[in-house]
Amino acid sequence: MKVMAIDPGTYRTGYAIFKVTPGASSLLECGKVFVRGKDLPDRLLHIHKGIERVIRRLRPNHVVIERPFIGKSARDGLTLNAGRAVCMLAAAASKVRVYEYAPAQVKKTVTGNGQASKEYVQRMVRIQLGLRETPEPDIADAMALALCHINRL
């Protein structure tokens, strides 16, 4: 089985894909979909097309996305949720089942602390996956989402 986790953002969208076999999982690929355009509709279109390409190429069985949350501003939260929605649409159009986890649940699974900082999540992802370098925040968040889902399978 393949699990694709997506950290949607309206400027950068991180993703990670793991191959999961009984008793083991391995990172197949990770990266970012870079978003072009000044207007939100253009950026959303780039996110959708980029995620759709990755799904078509690697054919995951599950897609994992963080549950919505409203951070510092409602407007930013709504914009972020639009990015989430186009990622979910790409998965649904490809007939891939979508799973969601709350940010605190992901952090608790990966670090043991539901209020962990982004930097701590990055370090713990690097350690757990035996990576040489600490992944960028968008990619580390996607990896953490995947690890949370794999842990719950």
Protein backbone atom coordinates (compact mmCIF):
# COMPACT_ATOMS: atom_id res chain seq x y z
CA MET A 1 0.00 0.00 0.00
CA LYS A 2 1.10 3.59 -0.64
CA VAL A 3 0.24 6.50 1.64
CA MET A 4 0.48 10.08 0.37
CA ALA A 5 0.41 12.88 2.92
CA ILE A 6 -0.12 16.49 1.89
CA ASP A 7 0.65 19.69 3.77
CA PRO A 8 -1.39 22.16 1.74
CA GLY A 9 -0.35 25.77 1.49
CA THR A 10 -1.36 28.39 -1.01
CA TYR A 11 2.27 29.22 -1.83
CA ARG A 12 3.98 25.86 -1.24
CA THR A 13 2.34 22.47 -0.81
CA GLY A 14 4.51 19.76 0.71
CA TYR A 15 3.94 16.07 0.12
CA ALA A 16 5.44 12.74 1.13
CA ILE A 17 4.69 9.25 -0.15
CA PHE A 18 5.46 6.09 1.81
CA LYS A 19 5.29 2.45 0.84
CA VAL A 20 3.74 0.48 3.68
CA THR A 21 4.19 -3.27 4.06
CA PRO A 22 3.40 -5.43 7.10
CA GLY A 23 5.84 -4.36 9.81
CA ALA A 24 7.68 -1.75 7.75
CA SER A 25 7.32 1.50 5.89
CA SER A 26 9.72 3.40 3.66
CA LEU A 27 9.76 6.87 2.17
CA LEU A 28 9.34 6.67 -1.61
CA GLU A 29 9.33 10.35 -2.46
CA CYS A 30 8.85 13.77 -0.94
CA GLY A 31 8.79 17.27 -2.33
CA LYS A 32 6.84 20.44 -2.85
CA VAL A 33 4.40 21.67 -5.40
CA PHE A 34 5.44 25.23 -6.11
CA VAL A 35 2.53 27.51 -6.68
CA ARG A 36 2.49 30.20 -9.34
CA GLY A 37 0.19 33.16 -9.71
CA LYS A 38 -0.73 36.23 -7.75
CA ASP A 39 -4.44 35.52 -7.51
CA LEU A 40 -5.80 32.78 -5.28
CA PRO A 41 -7.72 31.03 -8.11
CA ASP A 42 -4.50 30.72 -10.16
CA ARG A 43 -2.57 29.37 -7.16
CA LEU A 44 -5.34 26.86 -6.38
CA LEU A 45 -5.27 25.63 -9.97
CA HIS A 46 -1.47 25.05 -9.74
CA ILE A 47 -1.88 23.16 -6.46
CA HIS A 48 -4.62 20.95 -7.93
CA LYS A 49 -2.67 20.17 -11.10
CA GLY A 50 0.56 19.50 -9.19
CA ILE A 51 -1.05 17.15 -6.66
CA GLU A 52 -3.04 15.47 -9.41
CA ARG A 53 0.20 14.76 -11.33
CA VAL A 54 1.85 13.20 -8.26
CA ILE A 55 -1.23 11.06 -7.56
CA ARG A 56 -1.40 9.91 -11.20
CA ARG A 57 2.31 9.06 -11.26
CA LEU A 58 2.64 7.26 -7.90
CA ARG A 59 -0.92 5.94 -7.41
CA PRO A 60 -1.31 6.10 -3.61
CA ASN A 61 -4.04 4.09 -1.90
CA HIS A 62 -4.59 6.65 0.86
CA VAL A 63 -4.20 10.43 0.95
CA VAL A 64 -3.77 12.10 4.33
CA ILE A 65 -4.46 15.79 4.97
CA GLU A 66 -4.44 17.77 8.19
CA ARG A 67 -7.86 18.75 9.56
CA PRO A 68 -8.69 22.43 9.18
CA PHE A 69 -7.91 24.89 11.87
CA ILE A 70 -8.22 28.64 12.21
CA GLY A 71 -4.95 30.18 13.27
CA LYS A 72 -4.25 33.84 13.80
CA SER A 73 -6.80 35.12 11.32
CA ALA A 74 -10.03 33.71 9.96
CA ARG A 75 -9.18 34.99 6.49
CA ASP A 76 -5.87 33.09 6.42
CA GLY A 77 -7.67 29.98 7.70
CA LEU A 78 -10.24 30.17 4.94
CA THR A 79 -7.51 30.62 2.32
CA LEU A 80 -5.59 27.63 3.68
CA ASN A 81 -8.76 25.54 3.64
CA ALA A 82 -9.24 26.38 -0.03
CA GLY A 83 -5.81 24.80 -0.66
CA ARG A 84 -6.87 21.77 1.37
CA ALA A 85 -10.05 21.47 -0.65
CA VAL A 86 -8.30 21.33 -4.03
CA CYS A 87 -5.95 18.64 -2.70
CA MET A 88 -8.95 16.63 -1.51
CA LEU A 89 -10.60 17.15 -4.88
CA ALA A 90 -7.53 15.79 -6.69
CA ALA A 91 -7.61 12.70 -4.47
CA ALA A 92 -11.36 12.21 -4.85
CA ALA A 93 -11.17 12.60 -8.64
CA SER A 94 -8.55 9.82 -8.65
CA LYS A 95 -10.78 7.65 -6.42
CA VAL A 96 -8.25 7.71 -3.56
CA ARG A 97 -9.61 7.56 -0.01
CA VAL A 98 -8.87 10.68 2.07
CA TYR A 99 -8.06 10.62 5.78
CA GLU A 100 -7.78 13.60 8.10
CA TYR A 101 -5.98 14.18 11.41
CA ALA A 102 -5.97 17.13 13.78
CA PRO A 103 -2.64 19.01 14.01
CA ALA A 104 -2.30 18.21 17.73
CA GLN A 105 -2.87 14.49 17.03
CA VAL A 106 -0.10 14.49 14.41
CA LYS A 107 2.32 16.30 16.73
CA LYS A 108 1.52 13.99 19.63
CA THR A 109 2.09 10.89 17.49
CA VAL A 110 5.43 12.09 16.13
CA THR A 111 6.85 13.91 19.17
CA GLY A 112 4.80 12.80 22.16
CA ASN A 113 3.63 16.41 22.64
CA GLY A 114 0.49 17.76 20.96
CA GLN A 115 1.80 21.32 21.29
CA ALA A 116 5.28 20.69 19.82
CA SER A 117 6.93 23.41 17.76
CA LYS A 118 7.43 23.08 14.00
CA GLU A 119 11.18 22.83 14.58
CA TYR A 120 10.76 19.95 17.02
CA VAL A 121 8.48 18.12 14.58
CA GLN A 122 11.12 18.58 11.87
CA ARG A 123 13.86 17.13 14.12
CA MET A 124 11.75 14.18 15.23
CA VAL A 125 10.79 13.34 11.63
CA ARG A 126 14.48 13.41 10.68
CA ILE A 127 15.37 11.10 13.58
CA GLN A 128 12.48 8.66 13.07
CA LEU A 129 13.14 8.32 9.35
CA GLY A 130 16.93 8.28 9.67
CA LEU A 131 17.33 11.23 7.32
CA ARG A 132 20.72 12.93 6.91
CA GLU A 133 19.23 16.41 6.83
CA THR A 134 16.28 18.03 8.51
CA PRO A 135 13.46 18.36 5.97
CA GLU A 136 11.93 21.73 5.16
CA PRO A 137 8.83 22.58 7.23
CA ASP A 138 6.27 21.86 4.48
CA ILE A 139 7.82 18.48 3.71
CA ALA A 140 8.38 17.60 7.38
CA ASP A 141 4.72 18.32 8.12
CA ALA A 142 3.67 16.00 5.29
CA MET A 143 6.03 13.30 6.58
CA ALA A 144 4.62 13.70 10.10
CA LEU A 145 1.08 13.32 8.74
CA ALA A 146 2.08 10.14 6.94
CA LEU A 147 3.76 8.75 10.06
CA CYS A 148 0.62 9.50 12.08
CA HIS A 149 -1.56 7.66 9.56
CA ILE A 150 0.80 4.70 9.23
CA ASN A 151 0.92 4.42 13.03
CA ARG A 152 -2.89 4.16 13.07
CA LEU A 153 -3.23 1.57 10.30
